[in-house]
PDB file of N, CA and C in Angstrom:
ATOM      1  N   MET A   1       0.833  -1.170   0.000  1.00  0.00           N
ATOM      2  CA  MET A   1       0.000   0.000   0.000  1.00  0.00           C
ATOM      3  C   MET A   1       0.890   1.251   0.000  1.00  0.00           C
ATOM      4  N   THR A   2       0.556   2.217  -0.812  1.00  0.00           N
ATOM      5  CA  THR A   2       1.327   3.445  -0.929  1.00  0.00           C
ATOM      6  C   THR A   2       1.013   4.388   0.232  1.00  0.00           C
ATOM      7  N   PRO A   3       2.055   4.964   0.880  1.00  0.00           N
ATOM      8  CA  PRO A   3       1.806   5.904   1.971  1.00  0.00           C
ATOM      9  C   PRO A   3       1.110   7.165   1.457  1.00  0.00           C
ATOM     10  N   LEU A   4       0.265   7.736   2.287  1.00  0.00           N
ATOM     11  CA  LEU A   4      -0.455   8.951   1.956  1.00  0.00           C
ATOM     12  C   LEU A   4       0.400  10.161   2.312  1.00  0.00           C
ATOM     13  N   THR A   5       0.564  11.078   1.370  1.00  0.00           N
ATOM     14  CA  THR A   5       1.305  12.309   1.603  1.00  0.00           C
ATOM     15  C   THR A   5       0.354  13.481   1.467  1.00  0.00           C
ATOM     16  N   SER A   6       0.355  14.361   2.463  1.00  0.00           N
ATOM     17  CA  SER A   6      -0.542  15.513   2.461  1.00  0.00           C
ATOM     18  C   SER A   6       0.178  16.737   2.996  1.00  0.00           C
ATOM     19  N   LYS A   7      -0.358  17.898   2.667  1.00  0.00           N
ATOM     20  CA  LYS A   7       0.110  19.151   3.248  1.00  0.00           C
ATOM     21  C   LYS A   7      -1.032  19.715   4.077  1.00  0.00           C
ATOM     22  N   VAL A   8      -0.698  20.152   5.283  1.00  0.00           N
ATOM     23  CA  VAL A   8      -1.708  20.672   6.198  1.00  0.00           C
ATOM     24  C   VAL A   8      -1.220  22.008   6.747  1.00  0.00           C
ATOM     25  N   CYS A   9      -2.108  22.965   6.808  1.00  0.00           N
ATOM     26  CA  CYS A   9      -1.807  24.269   7.403  1.00  0.00           C
ATOM     27  C   CYS A   9      -2.640  24.402   8.677  1.00  0.00           C
ATOM     28  N   VAL A  10      -1.962  24.537   9.805  1.00  0.00           N
ATOM     29  CA  VAL A  10      -2.648  24.657  11.088  1.00  0.00           C
ATOM     30  C   VAL A  10      -2.560  26.115  11.530  1.00  0.00           C
ATOM     31  N   VAL A  11      -3.705  26.721  11.773  1.00  0.00           N
ATOM     32  CA  VAL A  11      -3.738  28.121  12.200  1.00  0.00           C
ATOM     33  C   VAL A  11      -4.480  28.237  13.524  1.00  0.00           C
ATOM     34  N   GLY A  12      -4.139  29.250  14.273  1.00  0.00           N
ATOM     35  CA  GLY A  12      -4.815  29.490  15.536  1.00  0.00           C
ATOM     36  C   GLY A  12      -4.071  30.505  16.369  1.00  0.00           C
ATOM     37  N   ASP A  13      -4.623  30.820  17.499  1.00  0.00           N
ATOM     38  CA  ASP A  13      -4.018  31.788  18.406  1.00  0.00           C
ATOM     39  C   ASP A  13      -2.719  31.251  18.991  1.00  0.00           C
ATOM     40  N   PHE A  14      -1.973  32.155  19.622  1.00  0.00           N
ATOM     41  CA  PHE A  14      -0.723  31.788  20.272  1.00  0.00           C
ATOM     42  C   PHE A  14      -0.984  30.880  21.466  1.00  0.00           C
ATOM     43  N   ALA A  15      -0.090  29.922  21.682  1.00  0.00           N
ATOM     44  CA  ALA A  15      -0.074  29.073  22.882  1.00  0.00           C
ATOM     45  C   ALA A  15      -1.370  28.304  23.102  1.00  0.00           C
ATOM     46  N   VAL A  16      -1.937  27.737  22.034  1.00  0.00           N
ATOM     47  CA  VAL A  16      -3.155  26.942  22.191  1.00  0.00           C
ATOM     48  C   VAL A  16      -2.921  25.452  21.961  1.00  0.00           C
ATOM     49  N   GLY A  17      -1.700  25.067  21.526  1.00  0.00           N
ATOM     50  CA  GLY A  17      -1.382  23.655  21.375  1.00  0.00           C
ATOM     51  C   GLY A  17      -1.378  23.137  19.952  1.00  0.00           C
ATOM     52  N   LYS A  18      -1.176  24.003  18.966  1.00  0.00           N
ATOM     53  CA  LYS A  18      -1.169  23.570  17.562  1.00  0.00           C
ATOM     54  C   LYS A  18      -0.075  22.535  17.312  1.00  0.00           C
ATOM     55  N   THR A  19       1.120  22.801  17.802  1.00  0.00           N
ATOM     56  CA  THR A  19       2.233  21.876  17.604  1.00  0.00           C
ATOM     57  C   THR A  19       1.968  20.549  18.299  1.00  0.00           C
ATOM     58  N   SER A  20       1.398  20.581  19.485  1.00  0.00           N
ATOM     59  CA  SER A  20       1.095  19.352  20.222  1.00  0.00           C
ATOM     60  C   SER A  20       0.070  18.497  19.486  1.00  0.00           C
ATOM     61  N   VAL A  21      -0.936  19.121  18.902  1.00  0.00           N
ATOM     62  CA  VAL A  21      -1.960  18.378  18.160  1.00  0.00           C
ATOM     63  C   VAL A  21      -1.350  17.727  16.926  1.00  0.00           C
ATOM     64  N   VAL A  22      -0.529  18.472  16.187  1.00  0.00           N
ATOM     65  CA  VAL A  22       0.105  17.915  14.988  1.00  0.00           C
ATOM     66  C   VAL A  22       1.029  16.768  15.369  1.00  0.00           C
ATOM     67  N   GLU A  23       1.839  16.955  16.405  1.00  0.00           N
ATOM     68  CA  GLU A  23       2.751  15.901  16.852  1.00  0.00           C
ATOM     69  C   GLU A  23       1.986  14.654  17.278  1.00  0.00           C
ATOM     70  N   ARG A  24       0.851  14.831  17.915  1.00  0.00           N
ATOM     71  CA  ARG A  24       0.031  13.700  18.371  1.00  0.00           C
ATOM     72  C   ARG A  24      -0.445  12.861  17.198  1.00  0.00           C
ATOM     73  N   PHE A  25      -0.905  13.503  16.140  1.00  0.00           N
ATOM     74  CA  PHE A  25      -1.417  12.766  14.996  1.00  0.00           C
ATOM     75  C   PHE A  25      -0.312  12.207  14.106  1.00  0.00           C
ATOM     76  N   VAL A  26       0.834  12.883  14.019  1.00  0.00           N
ATOM     77  CA  VAL A  26       1.922  12.425  13.154  1.00  0.00           C
ATOM     78  C   VAL A  26       2.699  11.280  13.796  1.00  0.00           C
ATOM     79  N   THR A  27       3.046  11.409  15.079  1.00  0.00           N
ATOM     80  CA  THR A  27       3.893  10.412  15.735  1.00  0.00           C
ATOM     81  C   THR A  27       3.124   9.495  16.668  1.00  0.00           C
ATOM     82  N   ASN A  28       1.832   9.770  16.878  1.00  0.00           N
ATOM     83  CA  ASN A  28       1.000   9.005  17.802  1.00  0.00           C
ATOM     84  C   ASN A  28       1.562   9.035  19.221  1.00  0.00           C
ATOM     85  N   GLN A  29       2.199  10.155  19.571  1.00  0.00           N
ATOM     86  CA  GLN A  29       2.742  10.355  20.907  1.00  0.00           C
ATOM     87  C   GLN A  29       2.327  11.735  21.392  1.00  0.00           C
ATOM     88  N   PHE A  30       2.322  11.917  22.698  1.00  0.00           N
ATOM     89  CA  PHE A  30       2.030  13.226  23.269  1.00  0.00           C
ATOM     90  C   PHE A  30       3.081  13.547  24.312  1.00  0.00           C
ATOM     91  N   SER A  31       3.702  14.707  24.180  1.00  0.00           N
ATOM     92  CA  SER A  31       4.703  15.144  25.149  1.00  0.00           C
ATOM     93  C   SER A  31       4.079  16.161  26.094  1.00  0.00           C
ATOM     94  N   ASP A  32       4.241  15.941  27.392  1.00  0.00           N
ATOM     95  CA  ASP A  32       3.701  16.890  28.360  1.00  0.00           C
ATOM     96  C   ASP A  32       4.714  17.971  28.726  1.00  0.00           C
ATOM     97  N   LYS A  33       5.872  17.957  28.071  1.00  0.00           N
ATOM     98  CA  LYS A  33       6.888  18.981  28.306  1.00  0.00           C
ATOM     99  C   LYS A  33       6.598  20.177  27.411  1.00  0.00           C
ATOM    100  N   TYR A  34       6.602  21.364  27.989  1.00  0.00           N
ATOM    101  CA  TYR A  34       6.274  22.576  27.248  1.00  0.00           C
ATOM    102  C   TYR A  34       7.535  23.190  26.658  1.00  0.00           C
ATOM    103  N   LEU A  35       7.595  23.275  25.338  1.00  0.00           N
ATOM    104  CA  LEU A  35       8.673  23.968  24.645  1.00  0.00           C
ATOM    105  C   LEU A  35       8.032  24.936  23.665  1.00  0.00           C
ATOM    106  N   SER A  36       8.232  26.218  23.880  1.00  0.00           N
ATOM    107  CA  SER A  36       7.623  27.229  23.020  1.00  0.00           C
ATOM    108  C   SER A  36       8.220  27.166  21.619  1.00  0.00           C
ATOM    109  N   THR A  37       7.373  27.261  20.587  1.00  0.00           N
ATOM    110  CA  THR A  37       7.843  27.235  19.204  1.00  0.00           C
ATOM    111  C   THR A  37       7.895  28.629  18.604  1.00  0.00           C
ATOM    112  N   VAL A  38       7.667  29.647  19.417  1.00  0.00           N
ATOM    113  CA  VAL A  38       7.673  31.035  18.932  1.00  0.00           C
ATOM    114  C   VAL A  38       9.085  31.548  18.879  1.00  0.00           C
TER     115      VAL A  38
END
């Protein structure tokens, strides 16, 4: 089966967890450590 490749744009307010949500769905893991991406 061929892997699915997609492009996704995640938008939202500052410090709401956009990176955490993307990481959860991509790696199937959740990190409770806070690292600012700004």
